[in-house]
Amino acid sequence: MSFKTLDAEDFVVSADSVQSTAWSTDTPALTTFFTSSVQKNSTSANYFLSVYQADITDPDSAVQFDVAYGNRLGSGSVVFDSAYPSLSPSSTIYGQYRTMILEDENSSFQFGDGSNFFIPEDIWVLSPNRARYKESIFPGTFNLKLQVGSDIVHLTDNSQDVTVQSFMGSSRVYQIVSGSNGRASGTTGYVANSGSYGLLFPELGTILLNPEALKETINLPINSNPGTNQVNPQTLFNSIKLGSEFTMNSQETITSDYIFVRSRNSEFNYSTNPSFISGSTGEVVFDTFINNPQTYITTVGMYNDASELIAVAKLSKPLPKDFTKESLIRVKLDF
């Protein structure tokens, strides 16, 4: 085993953007949707429903995303305390996302831009599981088919149509429109007098849908009566399940350290392996190894300044080395 000190120019840091499927099925499109009957009958159903790719009795079943309904005035659900008529599960949901995205508890969500925008009292929310979208949702890969009866709408973000990036608060945002693969169908993909179909926040892994636009297009029912628990999360889930198509890819930046280990012609030509040196005399066993030695590089070990082994790189096959050869081994460390 031989050692060599690495220089600063032997290290290079690289960052690469990697895209992968978001769902645990390892396929771009999620086509089957299930919920838990236990959750539907519990109080948490007043807030949200967790959606699985398989029946929860299946050992491979895992939460893919959550469906929630929020109302700025607290309608659509029973209040927590009659002394506070505006505080309910739906107002909590609305307030949670308003604080996170708009960063202003007095603001309201606006769907659309220019002269065609709409500010509803309520919102639908789709929240992919944190493990599904990793660092962010990859714009242009979001496709969602919603269906009510025979009425169908295909939704996507407008990332391929915009040239100037938009933000809400400090979060990057795209409008959700009718279309596919990041491009709107028609001029804008909006609904007349109702704005866009929603908002996509890639880094937050959050999708907001505009109930008014969906009601106009596919007559998706919504009940915002005050003082009673409604089944609005279940309503949106039913539309997603009937549409049977939810596509979304994740994106993350993988940072890599590249370490270039160089063996020059005069280096690493001898070995401390017992088969190379005589244990009794310390001489080279074979005379041919004196003037024309040959070794094989099989492993590169990385040590810190305290001589502690911190990383090991294995070569796919032994690399021959003698005085007539030089080699350059590139070691990649991902983190």
C-alpha atoms as a PDB file:
ATOM      1  CA  MET A   1       0.000   0.000   0.000  1.00  0.00           C
ATOM      2  CA  SER A   2       1.383   3.402  -0.988  1.00  0.00           C
ATOM      3  CA  PHE A   3       0.318   6.916  -0.065  1.00  0.00           C
ATOM      4  CA  LYS A   4       0.259  10.186  -1.946  1.00  0.00           C
ATOM      5  CA  THR A   5      -0.776  13.668  -0.831  1.00  0.00           C
ATOM      6  CA  LEU A   6      -3.427  15.273  -3.031  1.00  0.00           C
ATOM      7  CA  ASP A   7      -3.133  18.882  -4.167  1.00  0.00           C
ATOM      8  CA  ALA A   8      -5.904  21.489  -4.382  1.00  0.00           C
ATOM      9  CA  GLU A   9      -6.078  21.149  -8.168  1.00  0.00           C
ATOM     10  CA  ASP A  10      -6.918  17.462  -7.757  1.00  0.00           C
ATOM     11  CA  PHE A  11     -10.395  18.385  -6.435  1.00  0.00           C
ATOM     12  CA  VAL A  12     -13.347  19.596  -8.516  1.00  0.00           C
ATOM     13  CA  VAL A  13     -16.888  20.232  -7.228  1.00  0.00           C
ATOM     14  CA  SER A  14     -19.827  19.798  -9.627  1.00  0.00           C
ATOM     15  CA  ALA A  15     -23.601  20.254  -9.242  1.00  0.00           C
ATOM     16  CA  ASP A  16     -25.975  18.427 -11.576  1.00  0.00           C
ATOM     17  CA  SER A  17     -29.762  18.672 -11.793  1.00  0.00           C
ATOM     18  CA  VAL A  18     -31.333  15.212 -11.778  1.00  0.00           C
ATOM     19  CA  GLN A  19     -34.940  14.431 -12.748  1.00  0.00           C
ATOM     20  CA  SER A  20     -36.761  11.277 -11.687  1.00  0.00           C
ATOM     21  CA  THR A  21     -40.276   9.914 -11.320  1.00  0.00           C
ATOM     22  CA  ALA A  22     -42.069  11.170  -8.231  1.00  0.00           C
ATOM     23  CA  TRP A  23     -44.356   8.285  -7.373  1.00  0.00           C
ATOM     24  CA  SER A  24     -43.328   5.162  -5.476  1.00  0.00           C
ATOM     25  CA  THR A  25     -44.514   3.101  -8.461  1.00  0.00           C
ATOM     26  CA  ASP A  26     -41.391   4.313 -10.329  1.00  0.00           C
ATOM     27  CA  THR A  27     -43.610   5.315 -13.236  1.00  0.00           C
ATOM     28  CA  PRO A  28     -44.294   8.888 -14.432  1.00  0.00           C
ATOM     29  CA  ALA A  29     -48.093   8.529 -14.238  1.00  0.00           C
ATOM     30  CA  LEU A  30     -50.084   7.529 -11.187  1.00  0.00           C
ATOM     31  CA  THR A  31     -53.269   5.800 -12.369  1.00  0.00           C
ATOM     32  CA  THR A  32     -54.712   4.132  -9.269  1.00  0.00           C
ATOM     33  CA  PHE A  33     -55.871   6.001  -6.184  1.00  0.00           C
ATOM     34  CA  PHE A  34     -56.978   4.746  -2.770  1.00  0.00           C
ATOM     35  CA  THR A  35     -57.845   6.243   0.604  1.00  0.00           C
ATOM     36  CA  SER A  36     -58.147   4.809   4.091  1.00  0.00           C
ATOM     37  CA  SER A  37     -61.656   4.113   5.354  1.00  0.00           C
ATOM     38  CA  VAL A  38     -60.348   4.632   8.875  1.00  0.00           C
ATOM     39  CA  GLN A  39     -59.177   8.146   8.049  1.00  0.00           C
ATOM     40  CA  LYS A  40     -62.383   8.995   6.168  1.00  0.00           C
ATOM     41  CA  ASN A  41     -64.370   8.215   9.306  1.00  0.00           C
ATOM     42  CA  SER A  42     -62.053  10.185  11.595  1.00  0.00           C
ATOM     43  CA  THR A  43     -61.948  13.906  12.375  1.00  0.00           C
ATOM     44  CA  SER A  44     -58.810  14.341  10.244  1.00  0.00           C
ATOM     45  CA  ALA A  45     -60.994  13.883   7.149  1.00  0.00           C
ATOM     46  CA  ASN A  46     -62.375  17.335   7.942  1.00  0.00           C
ATOM     47  CA  TYR A  47     -58.901  18.644   7.076  1.00  0.00           C
ATOM     48  CA  PHE A  48     -57.473  16.350   4.430  1.00  0.00           C
ATOM     49  CA  LEU A  49     -57.365  12.898   2.855  1.00  0.00           C
ATOM     50  CA  SER A  50     -54.181  10.933   2.243  1.00  0.00           C
ATOM     51  CA  VAL A  51     -54.072   9.217  -1.145  1.00  0.00           C
ATOM     52  CA  TYR A  52     -52.262   5.906  -1.727  1.00  0.00           C
ATOM     53  CA  GLN A  53     -51.237   4.147  -4.933  1.00  0.00           C
ATOM     54  CA  ALA A  54     -52.583   0.815  -3.672  1.00  0.00           C
ATOM     55  CA  ASP A  55     -55.078  -0.485  -1.131  1.00  0.00           C
ATOM     56  CA  ILE A  56     -53.729   0.123   2.357  1.00  0.00           C
ATOM     57  CA  THR A  57     -53.819  -3.621   3.015  1.00  0.00           C
ATOM     58  CA  ASP A  58     -51.094  -3.974   0.380  1.00  0.00           C
ATOM     59  CA  PRO A  59     -47.657  -4.007   2.080  1.00  0.00           C
ATOM     60  CA  ASP A  60     -46.303  -1.788  -0.724  1.00  0.00           C
ATOM     61  CA  SER A  61     -48.978   0.836  -0.162  1.00  0.00           C
ATOM     62  CA  ALA A  62     -47.589   4.294   0.610  1.00  0.00           C
ATOM     63  CA  VAL A  63     -48.957   7.843   0.782  1.00  0.00           C
ATOM     64  CA  GLN A  64     -48.425   9.639  -2.538  1.00  0.00           C
ATOM     65  CA  PHE A  65     -50.146  12.963  -1.834  1.00  0.00           C
ATOM     66  CA  ASP A  66     -52.781  14.637   0.330  1.00  0.00           C
ATOM     67  CA  VAL A  67     -55.987  16.359  -0.733  1.00  0.00           C
ATOM     68  CA  ALA A  68     -57.304  19.277   1.323  1.00  0.00           C
ATOM     69  CA  TYR A  69     -59.912  22.017   1.162  1.00  0.00           C
ATOM     70  CA  GLY A  70     -59.470  25.515   2.563  1.00  0.00           C
ATOM     71  CA  ASN A  71     -61.871  28.408   2.946  1.00  0.00           C
ATOM     72  CA  ARG A  72     -60.808  31.892   3.997  1.00  0.00           C
ATOM     73  CA  LEU A  73     -64.018  32.454   5.987  1.00  0.00           C
ATOM     74  CA  GLY A  74     -64.033  29.015   7.582  1.00  0.00           C
ATOM     75  CA  SER A  75     -67.058  27.747   5.656  1.00  0.00           C
ATOM     76  CA  GLY A  76     -67.444  24.116   4.703  1.00  0.00           C
ATOM     77  CA  SER A  77     -66.580  22.750   8.143  1.00  0.00           C
ATOM     78  CA  VAL A  78     -67.736  23.004  11.761  1.00  0.00           C
ATOM     79  CA  VAL A  79     -66.022  25.668  13.851  1.00  0.00           C
ATOM     80  CA  PHE A  80     -63.707  24.639  16.680  1.00  0.00           C
ATOM     81  CA  ASP A  81     -65.445  26.923  19.156  1.00  0.00           C
ATOM     82  CA  SER A  82     -68.755  28.740  18.698  1.00  0.00           C
ATOM     83  CA  ALA A  83     -67.180  31.802  20.288  1.00  0.00           C
ATOM     84  CA  TYR A  84     -64.909  32.062  17.253  1.00  0.00           C
ATOM     85  CA  PRO A  85     -67.201  31.561  14.228  1.00  0.00           C
ATOM     86  CA  SER A  86     -64.470  31.963  11.620  1.00  0.00           C
ATOM     87  CA  LEU A  87     -62.067  29.357  13.017  1.00  0.00           C
ATOM     88  CA  SER A  88     -62.631  25.919  11.543  1.00  0.00           C
ATOM     89  CA  PRO A  89     -60.643  23.172   9.791  1.00  0.00           C
ATOM     90  CA  SER A  90     -61.161  24.860   6.411  1.00  0.00           C
ATOM     91  CA  SER A  91     -59.955  28.257   7.663  1.00  0.00           C
ATOM     92  CA  THR A  92     -56.949  26.568   9.267  1.00  0.00           C
ATOM     93  CA  ILE A  93     -56.016  24.980   5.947  1.00  0.00           C
ATOM     94  CA  TYR A  94     -56.419  28.270   4.095  1.00  0.00           C
ATOM     95  CA  GLY A  95     -54.445  30.184   6.711  1.00  0.00           C
ATOM     96  CA  GLN A  96     -51.651  27.621   6.748  1.00  0.00           C
ATOM     97  CA  TYR A  97     -50.973  27.941   3.023  1.00  0.00           C
ATOM     98  CA  ARG A  98     -51.550  31.691   2.998  1.00  0.00           C
ATOM     99  CA  THR A  99     -48.884  32.161   5.664  1.00  0.00           C
ATOM    100  CA  MET A 100     -46.458  29.764   3.997  1.00  0.00           C
ATOM    101  CA  ILE A 101     -46.845  31.122   0.463  1.00  0.00           C
ATOM    102  CA  LEU A 102     -48.106  34.695   0.596  1.00  0.00           C
ATOM    103  CA  GLU A 103     -46.298  35.466   3.873  1.00  0.00           C
ATOM    104  CA  ASP A 104     -49.136  37.814   4.773  1.00  0.00           C
ATOM    105  CA  GLU A 105     -52.100  36.715   6.892  1.00  0.00           C
ATOM    106  CA  ASN A 106     -54.293  39.439   5.400  1.00  0.00           C
ATOM    107  CA  SER A 107     -53.784  38.485   1.758  1.00  0.00           C
ATOM    108  CA  SER A 108     -55.815  36.194  -0.491  1.00  0.00           C
ATOM    109  CA  PHE A 109     -54.809  33.884  -3.324  1.00  0.00           C
ATOM    110  CA  GLN A 110     -55.212  35.200  -6.857  1.00  0.00           C
ATOM    111  CA  PHE A 111     -55.576  32.813  -9.788  1.00  0.00           C
ATOM    112  CA  GLY A 112     -54.594  34.148 -13.201  1.00  0.00           C
ATOM    113  CA  ASP A 113     -53.041  37.448 -14.227  1.00  0.00           C
ATOM    114  CA  GLY A 114     -53.570  40.450 -16.442  1.00  0.00           C
ATOM    115  CA  SER A 115     -57.241  41.216 -16.941  1.00  0.00           C
ATOM    116  CA  ASN A 116     -58.363  37.629 -16.351  1.00  0.00           C
ATOM    117  CA  PHE A 117     -57.870  36.738 -12.720  1.00  0.00           C
ATOM    118  CA  PHE A 118     -60.069  35.568  -9.884  1.00  0.00           C
ATOM    119  CA  ILE A 119     -59.814  35.756  -6.090  1.00  0.00           C
ATOM    120  CA  PRO A 120     -61.999  32.999  -4.586  1.00  0.00           C
ATOM    121  CA  GLU A 121     -62.821  32.485  -0.933  1.00  0.00           C
ATOM    122  CA  ASP A 122     -61.742  28.849  -1.070  1.00  0.00           C
ATOM    123  CA  ILE A 123     -58.978  26.642  -2.483  1.00  0.00           C
ATOM    124  CA  TRP A 124     -58.259  23.006  -3.237  1.00  0.00           C
ATOM    125  CA  VAL A 125     -54.820  21.812  -2.164  1.00  0.00           C
ATOM    126  CA  LEU A 126     -52.739  18.897  -3.456  1.00  0.00           C
ATOM    127  CA  SER A 127     -49.640  18.233  -1.363  1.00  0.00           C
ATOM    128  CA  PRO A 128     -47.328  15.497  -2.681  1.00  0.00           C
ATOM    129  CA  ASN A 129     -45.577  13.533   0.033  1.00  0.00           C
ATOM    130  CA  ARG A 130     -42.231  15.154   0.879  1.00  0.00           C
ATOM    131  CA  ALA A 131     -40.259  12.102  -0.203  1.00  0.00           C
ATOM    132  CA  ARG A 132     -41.981  12.126  -3.603  1.00  0.00           C
ATOM    133  CA  TYR A 133     -40.879  15.502  -4.946  1.00  0.00           C
ATOM    134  CA  LYS A 134     -37.444  15.619  -3.238  1.00  0.00           C
ATOM    135  CA  GLU A 135     -36.028  19.104  -3.868  1.00  0.00           C
ATOM    136  CA  SER A 136     -38.801  20.380  -6.140  1.00  0.00           C
ATOM    137  CA  ILE A 137     -41.470  19.440  -8.658  1.00  0.00           C
ATOM    138  CA  PHE A 138     -40.018  19.513 -12.163  1.00  0.00           C
ATOM    139  CA  PRO A 139     -42.004  22.163 -14.125  1.00  0.00           C
ATOM    140  CA  GLY A 140     -43.561  20.937 -17.336  1.00  0.00           C
ATOM    141  CA  THR A 141     -44.097  17.401 -16.043  1.00  0.00           C
ATOM    142  CA  PHE A 142     -47.224  18.159 -14.010  1.00  0.00           C
ATOM    143  CA  ASN A 143     -50.284  16.700 -15.744  1.00  0.00           C
ATOM    144  CA  LEU A 144     -53.578  16.016 -13.973  1.00  0.00           C
ATOM    145  CA  LYS A 145     -56.798  14.698 -15.465  1.00  0.00           C
ATOM    146  CA  LEU A 146     -59.988  15.565 -13.562  1.00  0.00           C
ATOM    147  CA  GLN A 147     -63.344  14.100 -14.452  1.00  0.00           C
ATOM    148  CA  VAL A 148     -66.897  14.556 -13.224  1.00  0.00           C
ATOM    149  CA  GLY A 149     -69.383  12.359 -15.089  1.00  0.00           C
ATOM    150  CA  SER A 150     -68.501  12.792 -18.755  1.00  0.00           C
ATOM    151  CA  ASP A 151     -66.871  16.211 -18.229  1.00  0.00           C
ATOM    152  CA  ILE A 152     -63.058  16.119 -18.395  1.00  0.00           C
ATOM    153  CA  VAL A 153     -60.296  18.686 -18.055  1.00  0.00           C
ATOM    154  CA  HIS A 154     -56.543  18.132 -18.530  1.00  0.00           C
ATOM    155  CA  LEU A 155     -54.414  20.397 -16.350  1.00  0.00           C
ATOM    156  CA  THR A 156     -50.751  21.325 -16.538  1.00  0.00           C
ATOM    157  CA  ASP A 157     -48.488  24.203 -15.528  1.00  0.00           C
ATOM    158  CA  ASN A 158     -47.621  26.949 -18.034  1.00  0.00           C
ATOM    159  CA  SER A 159     -43.843  26.721 -17.542  1.00  0.00           C
ATOM    160  CA  GLN A 160     -43.164  26.229 -21.276  1.00  0.00           C
ATOM    161  CA  ASP A 161     -45.215  29.288 -22.235  1.00  0.00           C
ATOM    162  CA  VAL A 162     -43.752  31.918 -19.898  1.00  0.00           C
ATOM    163  CA  THR A 163     -40.510  33.799 -20.483  1.00  0.00           C
ATOM    164  CA  VAL A 164     -40.437  35.795 -17.236  1.00  0.00           C
ATOM    165  CA  GLN A 165     -40.454  33.955 -13.918  1.00  0.00           C
ATOM    166  CA  SER A 166     -43.210  34.876 -11.432  1.00  0.00           C
ATOM    167  CA  PHE A 167     -43.167  34.741  -7.651  1.00  0.00           C
ATOM    168  CA  MET A 168     -45.721  34.853  -4.863  1.00  0.00           C
ATOM    169  CA  GLY A 169     -44.054  35.987  -1.705  1.00  0.00           C
ATOM    170  CA  SER A 170     -40.595  34.464  -2.092  1.00  0.00           C
ATOM    171  CA  SER A 171     -41.847  31.310  -3.838  1.00  0.00           C
ATOM    172  CA  ARG A 172     -41.555  30.573  -7.559  1.00  0.00           C
ATOM    173  CA  VAL A 173     -44.993  30.003  -9.096  1.00  0.00           C
ATOM    174  CA  TYR A 174     -46.583  28.852 -12.361  1.00  0.00           C
ATOM    175  CA  GLN A 175     -50.214  29.143 -13.375  1.00  0.00           C
ATOM    176  CA  ILE A 176     -52.098  25.881 -13.828  1.00  0.00           C
ATOM    177  CA  VAL A 177     -53.935  25.852 -17.152  1.00  0.00           C
ATOM    178  CA  SER A 178     -55.770  23.475 -19.436  1.00  0.00           C
ATOM    179  CA  GLY A 179     -53.211  21.784 -21.663  1.00  0.00           C
ATOM    180  CA  SER A 180     -50.380  19.290 -21.335  1.00  0.00           C
ATOM    181  CA  ASN A 181     -46.652  19.063 -20.613  1.00  0.00           C
ATOM    182  CA  GLY A 182     -46.251  22.664 -19.567  1.00  0.00           C
ATOM    183  CA  ARG A 183     -48.103  24.222 -22.506  1.00  0.00           C
ATOM    184  CA  ALA A 184     -51.571  25.726 -22.482  1.00  0.00           C
ATOM    185  CA  SER A 185     -54.262  24.779 -24.949  1.00  0.00           C
ATOM    186  CA  GLY A 186     -55.640  27.825 -26.727  1.00  0.00           C
ATOM    187  CA  THR A 187     -54.330  31.267 -25.879  1.00  0.00           C
ATOM    188  CA  THR A 188     -53.865  31.068 -22.112  1.00  0.00           C
ATOM    189  CA  GLY A 189     -55.640  27.930 -20.922  1.00  0.00           C
ATOM    190  CA  TYR A 190     -57.620  30.109 -18.512  1.00  0.00           C
ATOM    191  CA  VAL A 191     -61.359  30.138 -17.823  1.00  0.00           C
ATOM    192  CA  ALA A 192     -63.193  33.328 -18.788  1.00  0.00           C
ATOM    193  CA  ASN A 193     -63.943  35.448 -15.697  1.00  0.00           C
ATOM    194  CA  SER A 194     -62.478  32.764 -13.397  1.00  0.00           C
ATOM    195  CA  GLY A 195     -58.750  33.060 -14.070  1.00  0.00           C
ATOM    196  CA  SER A 196     -56.397  30.091 -14.143  1.00  0.00           C
ATOM    197  CA  TYR A 197     -57.144  26.623 -12.838  1.00  0.00           C
ATOM    198  CA  GLY A 198     -54.623  26.965 -10.060  1.00  0.00           C
ATOM    199  CA  LEU A 199     -51.053  27.607  -8.978  1.00  0.00           C
ATOM    200  CA  LEU A 200     -47.996  25.341  -8.923  1.00  0.00           C
ATOM    201  CA  PHE A 201     -45.187  26.058  -6.450  1.00  0.00           C
ATOM    202  CA  PRO A 202     -42.279  23.753  -7.457  1.00  0.00           C
ATOM    203  CA  GLU A 203     -39.963  24.279  -4.480  1.00  0.00           C
ATOM    204  CA  LEU A 204     -42.806  24.062  -1.955  1.00  0.00           C
ATOM    205  CA  GLY A 205     -44.215  20.914  -3.541  1.00  0.00           C
ATOM    206  CA  THR A 206     -47.655  22.516  -3.382  1.00  0.00           C
ATOM    207  CA  ILE A 207     -50.478  22.633  -5.922  1.00  0.00           C
ATOM    208  CA  LEU A 208     -53.447  24.948  -5.385  1.00  0.00           C
ATOM    209  CA  LEU A 209     -56.566  24.518  -7.518  1.00  0.00           C
ATOM    210  CA  ASN A 210     -59.197  27.145  -8.252  1.00  0.00           C
ATOM    211  CA  PRO A 211     -62.663  25.780  -7.310  1.00  0.00           C
ATOM    212  CA  GLU A 212     -64.475  28.394  -9.385  1.00  0.00           C
ATOM    213  CA  ALA A 213     -62.647  27.488 -12.618  1.00  0.00           C
ATOM    214  CA  LEU A 214     -63.241  23.761 -12.055  1.00  0.00           C
ATOM    215  CA  LYS A 215     -66.893  24.369 -11.320  1.00  0.00           C
ATOM    216  CA  GLU A 216     -67.275  26.307 -14.566  1.00  0.00           C
ATOM    217  CA  THR A 217     -65.491  23.662 -16.661  1.00  0.00           C
ATOM    218  CA  ILE A 218     -66.444  20.246 -15.285  1.00  0.00           C
ATOM    219  CA  ASN A 219     -69.099  21.235 -12.743  1.00  0.00           C
ATOM    220  CA  LEU A 220     -66.968  19.946  -9.871  1.00  0.00           C
ATOM    221  CA  PRO A 221     -69.302  20.392  -6.885  1.00  0.00           C
ATOM    222  CA  ILE A 222     -68.174  22.245  -3.787  1.00  0.00           C
ATOM    223  CA  ASN A 223     -70.130  22.909  -0.621  1.00  0.00           C
ATOM    224  CA  SER A 224     -69.083  25.945   1.352  1.00  0.00           C
ATOM    225  CA  ASN A 225     -72.069  26.116   3.672  1.00  0.00           C
ATOM    226  CA  PRO A 226     -70.978  27.484   7.042  1.00  0.00           C
ATOM    227  CA  GLY A 227     -71.283  25.489  10.248  1.00  0.00           C
ATOM    228  CA  THR A 228     -71.321  21.953   8.805  1.00  0.00           C
ATOM    229  CA  ASN A 229     -68.629  19.448   7.877  1.00  0.00           C
ATOM    230  CA  GLN A 230     -68.667  18.820   4.150  1.00  0.00           C
ATOM    231  CA  VAL A 231     -66.900  16.177   2.094  1.00  0.00           C
ATOM    232  CA  ASN A 232     -64.954  18.562  -0.138  1.00  0.00           C
ATOM    233  CA  PRO A 233     -61.633  16.638   0.098  1.00  0.00           C
ATOM    234  CA  GLN A 234     -63.514  13.473  -0.868  1.00  0.00           C
ATOM    235  CA  THR A 235     -65.155  15.289  -3.789  1.00  0.00           C
ATOM    236  CA  LEU A 236     -61.842  16.275  -5.332  1.00  0.00           C
ATOM    237  CA  PHE A 237     -60.430  12.806  -4.674  1.00  0.00           C
ATOM    238  CA  ASN A 238     -63.351  11.244  -6.567  1.00  0.00           C
ATOM    239  CA  SER A 239     -62.623  13.472  -9.560  1.00  0.00           C
ATOM    240  CA  ILE A 240     -58.933  12.529  -9.513  1.00  0.00           C
ATOM    241  CA  LYS A 241     -59.725   8.833  -9.195  1.00  0.00           C
ATOM    242  CA  LEU A 242     -62.176   8.938 -12.101  1.00  0.00           C
ATOM    243  CA  GLY A 243     -59.637  10.804 -14.264  1.00  0.00           C
ATOM    244  CA  SER A 244     -57.008   8.129 -13.452  1.00  0.00           C
ATOM    245  CA  GLU A 245     -53.998  10.160 -14.544  1.00  0.00           C
ATOM    246  CA  PHE A 246     -51.647  12.200 -12.363  1.00  0.00           C
ATOM    247  CA  THR A 247     -48.161  12.730 -13.773  1.00  0.00           C
ATOM    248  CA  MET A 248     -45.371  14.506 -11.960  1.00  0.00           C
ATOM    249  CA  ASN A 249     -41.578  14.232 -11.868  1.00  0.00           C
ATOM    250  CA  SER A 250     -39.232  15.350  -9.135  1.00  0.00           C
ATOM    251  CA  GLN A 251     -36.037  17.331  -9.471  1.00  0.00           C
ATOM    252  CA  GLU A 252     -32.997  17.623  -7.225  1.00  0.00           C
ATOM    253  CA  THR A 253     -29.474  18.954  -7.413  1.00  0.00           C
ATOM    254  CA  ILE A 254     -26.816  16.322  -6.786  1.00  0.00           C
ATOM    255  CA  THR A 255     -23.515  17.785  -5.627  1.00  0.00           C
ATOM    256  CA  SER A 256     -20.473  15.704  -6.507  1.00  0.00           C
ATOM    257  CA  ASP A 257     -16.829  15.888  -5.532  1.00  0.00           C
ATOM    258  CA  TYR A 258     -14.488  14.705  -8.263  1.00  0.00           C
ATOM    259  CA  ILE A 259     -11.061  13.678  -7.011  1.00  0.00           C
ATOM    260  CA  PHE A 260      -8.344  13.011  -9.575  1.00  0.00           C
ATOM    261  CA  VAL A 261      -5.770  10.527  -8.367  1.00  0.00           C
ATOM    262  CA  ARG A 262      -2.671  10.479 -10.567  1.00  0.00           C
ATOM    263  CA  SER A 263      -0.058   7.750 -10.612  1.00  0.00           C
ATOM    264  CA  ARG A 264       3.021   8.873 -12.513  1.00  0.00           C
ATOM    265  CA  ASN A 265       5.403   6.495 -14.227  1.00  0.00           C
ATOM    266  CA  SER A 266       7.781   6.453 -11.247  1.00  0.00           C
ATOM    267  CA  GLU A 267       5.073   5.889  -8.629  1.00  0.00           C
ATOM    268  CA  PHE A 268       3.256   2.816  -7.278  1.00  0.00           C
ATOM    269  CA  ASN A 269       5.479   0.325  -9.107  1.00  0.00           C
ATOM    270  CA  TYR A 270       6.412  -1.649  -6.014  1.00  0.00           C
ATOM    271  CA  SER A 271       4.197  -3.366  -3.483  1.00  0.00           C
ATOM    272  CA  THR A 272       4.406  -4.190   0.240  1.00  0.00           C
ATOM    273  CA  ASN A 273       2.445  -7.347  -0.376  1.00  0.00           C
ATOM    274  CA  PRO A 274       4.246 -10.364   1.214  1.00  0.00           C
ATOM    275  CA  SER A 275       4.300 -12.109  -2.179  1.00  0.00           C
ATOM    276  CA  PHE A 276       6.451  -9.256  -3.525  1.00  0.00           C
ATOM    277  CA  ILE A 277       9.078  -9.004  -0.779  1.00  0.00           C
ATOM    278  CA  SER A 278      10.887 -11.781   1.085  1.00  0.00           C
ATOM    279  CA  GLY A 279       9.865 -11.723   4.712  1.00  0.00           C
ATOM    280  CA  SER A 280      13.225 -12.941   5.972  1.00  0.00           C
ATOM    281  CA  THR A 281      15.612 -10.766   3.986  1.00  0.00           C
ATOM    282  CA  GLY A 282      13.419  -7.907   2.753  1.00  0.00           C
ATOM    283  CA  GLU A 283      14.571  -8.497  -0.807  1.00  0.00           C
ATOM    284  CA  VAL A 284      12.461  -8.593  -3.918  1.00  0.00           C
ATOM    285  CA  VAL A 285      11.395 -12.200  -4.444  1.00  0.00           C
ATOM    286  CA  PHE A 286      11.765 -12.278  -8.229  1.00  0.00           C
ATOM    287  CA  ASP A 287      14.730 -10.703  -9.993  1.00  0.00           C
ATOM    288  CA  THR A 288      12.515  -9.486 -12.821  1.00  0.00           C
ATOM    289  CA  PHE A 289      10.739  -7.219 -10.321  1.00  0.00           C
ATOM    290  CA  ILE A 290      13.970  -5.330  -9.603  1.00  0.00           C
ATOM    291  CA  ASN A 291      14.396  -3.501 -12.905  1.00  0.00           C
ATOM    292  CA  ASN A 292      11.011  -4.200 -14.445  1.00  0.00           C
ATOM    293  CA  PRO A 293       8.452  -4.447 -11.609  1.00  0.00           C
ATOM    294  CA  GLN A 294       4.726  -4.641 -12.290  1.00  0.00           C
ATOM    295  CA  THR A 295       1.869  -4.057  -9.897  1.00  0.00           C
ATOM    296  CA  TYR A 296      -1.912  -3.862 -10.179  1.00  0.00           C
ATOM    297  CA  ILE A 297      -3.981  -1.012  -8.783  1.00  0.00           C
ATOM    298  CA  THR A 298      -7.297  -2.335  -7.432  1.00  0.00           C
ATOM    299  CA  THR A 299      -8.391   0.151  -4.763  1.00  0.00           C
ATOM    300  CA  VAL A 300      -8.087   3.856  -3.982  1.00  0.00           C
ATOM    301  CA  GLY A 301      -8.482   4.848  -0.333  1.00  0.00           C
ATOM    302  CA  MET A 302      -9.082   8.422   0.834  1.00  0.00           C
ATOM    303  CA  TYR A 303      -7.501   9.451   4.146  1.00  0.00           C
ATOM    304  CA  ASN A 304      -7.882  12.659   6.115  1.00  0.00           C
ATOM    305  CA  ASP A 305      -5.074  14.571   7.831  1.00  0.00           C
ATOM    306  CA  ALA A 306      -5.404  12.298  10.857  1.00  0.00           C
ATOM    307  CA  SER A 307      -4.650   9.263   8.676  1.00  0.00           C
ATOM    308  CA  GLU A 308      -8.231   8.017   9.064  1.00  0.00           C
ATOM    309  CA  LEU A 309      -9.754   6.149   6.122  1.00  0.00           C
ATOM    310  CA  ILE A 310     -12.909   8.046   5.114  1.00  0.00           C
ATOM    311  CA  ALA A 311     -13.744   6.709   1.632  1.00  0.00           C
ATOM    312  CA  VAL A 312     -12.868   3.756  -0.581  1.00  0.00           C
ATOM    313  CA  ALA A 313     -13.138   3.512  -4.373  1.00  0.00           C
ATOM    314  CA  LYS A 314     -12.959   0.103  -6.042  1.00  0.00           C
ATOM    315  CA  LEU A 315     -11.827  -0.256  -9.643  1.00  0.00           C
ATOM    316  CA  SER A 316     -13.947  -2.438 -11.914  1.00  0.00           C
ATOM    317  CA  LYS A 317     -10.831  -4.446 -12.820  1.00  0.00           C
ATOM    318  CA  PRO A 318      -7.148  -4.368 -11.762  1.00  0.00           C
ATOM    319  CA  LEU A 319      -5.143  -1.644 -13.482  1.00  0.00           C
ATOM    320  CA  PRO A 320      -1.606  -2.739 -14.545  1.00  0.00           C
ATOM    321  CA  LYS A 321       1.185  -0.370 -13.490  1.00  0.00           C
ATOM    322  CA  ASP A 322       4.924  -0.254 -14.289  1.00  0.00           C
ATOM    323  CA  PHE A 323       7.605   2.324 -15.127  1.00  0.00           C
ATOM    324  CA  THR A 324       6.227   2.718 -18.654  1.00  0.00           C
ATOM    325  CA  LYS A 325       2.669   3.531 -17.625  1.00  0.00           C
ATOM    326  CA  GLU A 326       0.892   6.441 -16.019  1.00  0.00           C
ATOM    327  CA  SER A 327      -2.762   6.451 -14.943  1.00  0.00           C
ATOM    328  CA  LEU A 328      -5.419   8.923 -13.934  1.00  0.00           C
ATOM    329  CA  ILE A 329      -8.226   7.638 -11.751  1.00  0.00           C
ATOM    330  CA  ARG A 330     -11.297   9.839 -11.248  1.00  0.00           C
ATOM    331  CA  VAL A 331     -13.128   9.240  -7.993  1.00  0.00           C
ATOM    332  CA  LYS A 332     -16.675  10.615  -7.692  1.00  0.00           C
ATOM    333  CA  LEU A 333     -18.281  11.280  -4.308  1.00  0.00           C
ATOM    334  CA  ASP A 334     -22.018  12.158  -4.339  1.00  0.00           C
ATOM    335  CA  PHE A 335     -23.759  13.829  -1.422  1.00  0.00           C
END
